[in-house]
Amino acid sequence: MQSFIEQHPIRTKINVAWGEMDALQHVNNVVYFRYFETARIDFFTQLGFLKDLQATGVGPVISENNARYKRPVTFPDTVHVGVKISDIEQDRFMMHYTVFSESQDAVTTIGSSQVVMFNFKTGKKAQLNDELLTALKAHSSD
């Protein structure tokens, strides 16, 4: 766990719920995208993305998601989702997620999302403002 913490200074703790398991008695594959979303919103909140969205109408949307399942997770467990950033451009960036299981003391899932900035007032792509661009670069793994 210590190595995971050192590699992922921004992470979100999530308790696994009984209802997230499927007929095969492990957390269903689609649940991981909710875990990613929870970590993503937590990350955005820490960087002020959501505050900026309210003020400007410009915010992040997901254009692509993917996940690689390495080990099944079961209830009860607590997972930690670490977030890293890469491939920063003027209007987009990649978010990388690493899911760590407390009960297994191991990484169980990795994933990523392509995030594109979007102006909800005009319905078109938008640029990252300088403040958000600087904040993303501070958390970049590039």
Protein backbone atom coordinates (compact mmCIF):
# COMPACT_ATOMS: atom_id res chain seq x y z
CA MET A 1 0.00 0.00 0.00
CA GLN A 2 2.82 2.41 0.80
CA SER A 3 4.22 2.15 -2.72
CA PHE A 4 0.74 2.79 -4.16
CA ILE A 5 0.34 5.89 -1.96
CA GLU A 6 3.74 7.23 -3.02
CA GLN A 7 2.92 6.71 -6.72
CA HIS A 8 -0.60 8.19 -6.42
CA PRO A 9 -0.67 11.36 -4.32
CA ILE A 10 -4.27 11.97 -5.47
CA ARG A 11 -6.51 9.03 -4.63
CA THR A 12 -10.07 8.32 -3.57
CA LYS A 13 -11.16 5.74 -0.98
CA ILE A 14 -14.29 3.73 -1.90
CA ASN A 15 -16.05 1.05 0.15
CA VAL A 16 -17.19 -1.90 -1.96
CA ALA A 17 -20.95 -2.46 -1.61
CA TRP A 18 -22.59 -5.89 -1.51
CA GLY A 19 -24.89 -4.90 -4.38
CA GLU A 20 -21.93 -4.22 -6.69
CA MET A 21 -21.23 -7.94 -7.01
CA ASP A 22 -22.76 -9.95 -9.84
CA ALA A 23 -23.85 -13.58 -10.27
CA LEU A 24 -20.20 -14.63 -10.46
CA GLN A 25 -19.67 -13.27 -6.92
CA HIS A 26 -17.24 -10.46 -7.76
CA VAL A 27 -17.64 -6.75 -8.46
CA ASN A 28 -19.28 -6.37 -11.86
CA ASN A 29 -17.13 -4.90 -14.61
CA VAL A 30 -19.31 -1.82 -15.14
CA VAL A 31 -18.93 -0.80 -11.48
CA TYR A 32 -15.29 0.06 -12.09
CA PHE A 33 -16.40 2.86 -14.41
CA ARG A 34 -18.38 4.29 -11.47
CA TYR A 35 -15.25 3.99 -9.33
CA PHE A 36 -13.33 5.85 -12.03
CA GLU A 37 -16.06 8.50 -12.15
CA THR A 38 -15.98 8.95 -8.37
CA ALA A 39 -12.20 9.40 -8.44
CA ARG A 40 -12.44 11.72 -11.46
CA ILE A 41 -15.01 14.01 -9.80
CA ASP A 42 -12.95 14.01 -6.59
CA PHE A 43 -9.86 14.99 -8.63
CA PHE A 44 -11.78 17.69 -10.54
CA THR A 45 -13.14 19.10 -7.29
CA GLN A 46 -9.63 19.31 -5.82
CA LEU A 47 -8.40 21.20 -8.90
CA GLY A 48 -11.40 23.55 -9.09
CA PHE A 49 -12.76 22.20 -12.41
CA LEU A 50 -16.33 22.09 -11.13
CA LYS A 51 -16.16 25.63 -9.74
CA ASP A 52 -14.86 26.79 -13.12
CA LEU A 53 -17.71 24.94 -14.87
CA GLN A 54 -20.31 26.85 -12.86
CA ALA A 55 -18.64 30.17 -13.61
CA THR A 56 -17.86 29.71 -17.34
CA GLY A 57 -20.04 26.91 -18.67
CA VAL A 58 -16.84 25.11 -19.76
CA GLY A 59 -16.11 21.71 -18.29
CA PRO A 60 -14.78 18.23 -18.90
CA VAL A 61 -16.60 15.49 -20.83
CA ILE A 62 -15.43 11.93 -21.46
CA SER A 63 -14.85 10.90 -25.06
CA GLU A 64 -13.40 7.45 -24.30
CA ASN A 65 -13.12 5.04 -21.34
CA ASN A 66 -11.32 1.75 -20.92
CA ALA A 67 -10.46 -0.72 -18.18
CA ARG A 68 -8.12 -3.69 -17.73
CA TYR A 69 -9.19 -6.13 -15.04
CA LYS A 70 -6.27 -7.86 -13.33
CA ARG A 71 -7.89 -9.43 -10.24
CA PRO A 72 -11.51 -9.80 -9.07
CA VAL A 73 -12.72 -7.74 -6.12
CA THR A 74 -15.36 -9.03 -3.70
CA PHE A 75 -17.36 -7.68 -0.77
CA PRO A 76 -16.25 -6.75 1.84
CA ASP A 77 -13.34 -4.64 0.69
CA THR A 78 -12.18 -1.06 0.42
CA VAL A 79 -10.49 0.12 -2.75
CA HIS A 80 -8.38 3.19 -3.40
CA VAL A 81 -8.44 4.72 -6.87
CA GLY A 82 -5.30 6.64 -7.76
CA VAL A 83 -5.36 9.22 -10.55
CA LYS A 84 -2.58 10.39 -12.85
CA ILE A 85 -2.66 12.70 -15.87
CA SER A 86 -0.86 12.47 -19.22
CA ASP A 87 -1.04 13.66 -22.83
CA ILE A 88 -2.11 17.20 -21.96
CA GLU A 89 -3.14 19.31 -24.94
CA GLN A 90 -4.92 22.67 -25.14
CA ASP A 91 -8.39 21.08 -25.18
CA ARG A 92 -7.91 17.54 -23.80
CA PHE A 93 -5.94 15.20 -21.57
CA MET A 94 -5.81 11.56 -20.46
CA MET A 95 -6.71 10.42 -16.95
CA HIS A 96 -5.24 7.13 -15.72
CA TYR A 97 -6.78 5.17 -12.86
CA THR A 98 -5.24 2.49 -10.67
CA VAL A 99 -7.54 0.55 -8.34
CA PHE A 100 -5.86 -0.89 -5.23
CA SER A 101 -7.65 -3.42 -2.98
CA GLU A 102 -6.99 -3.19 0.75
CA SER A 103 -7.98 -6.82 1.40
CA GLN A 104 -5.75 -8.16 -1.39
CA ASP A 105 -2.99 -5.58 -0.85
CA ALA A 106 -2.71 -5.44 -4.64
CA VAL A 107 -3.68 -3.50 -7.74
CA THR A 108 -6.82 -5.07 -9.21
CA THR A 109 -7.75 -2.82 -12.12
CA ILE A 110 -6.25 -0.12 -14.30
CA GLY A 111 -8.08 2.19 -16.65
CA SER A 112 -8.09 5.46 -18.50
CA SER A 113 -10.37 8.18 -19.83
CA GLN A 114 -9.88 10.69 -22.61
CA VAL A 115 -11.19 13.99 -21.24
CA VAL A 116 -12.16 16.79 -23.62
CA MET A 117 -13.07 20.31 -22.53
CA PHE A 118 -16.54 21.33 -23.68
CA ASN A 119 -18.44 24.61 -23.68
CA PHE A 120 -21.96 23.71 -22.63
CA LYS A 121 -23.26 27.14 -23.72
CA THR A 122 -22.07 26.86 -27.33
CA GLY A 123 -22.07 23.07 -27.67
CA LYS A 124 -18.46 23.07 -28.91
CA LYS A 125 -15.02 22.00 -27.74
CA ALA A 126 -13.19 24.50 -25.56
CA GLN A 127 -9.68 25.24 -24.40
CA LEU A 128 -8.31 24.56 -20.94
CA ASN A 129 -7.78 27.86 -19.16
CA ASP A 130 -4.25 28.65 -17.97
CA GLU A 131 -5.02 27.90 -14.30
CA LEU A 132 -6.41 24.41 -15.05
CA LEU A 133 -3.62 23.71 -17.55
CA THR A 134 -1.03 24.52 -14.88
CA ALA A 135 -2.84 22.36 -12.29
CA LEU A 136 -3.00 19.40 -14.67
CA LYS A 137 0.68 19.70 -15.53
CA ALA A 138 1.49 19.60 -11.81
CA HIS A 139 -0.19 16.16 -11.66
CA SER A 140 1.12 14.87 -14.97
CA SER A 141 3.04 11.61 -15.27
CA ASP A 142 4.66 12.76 -18.56
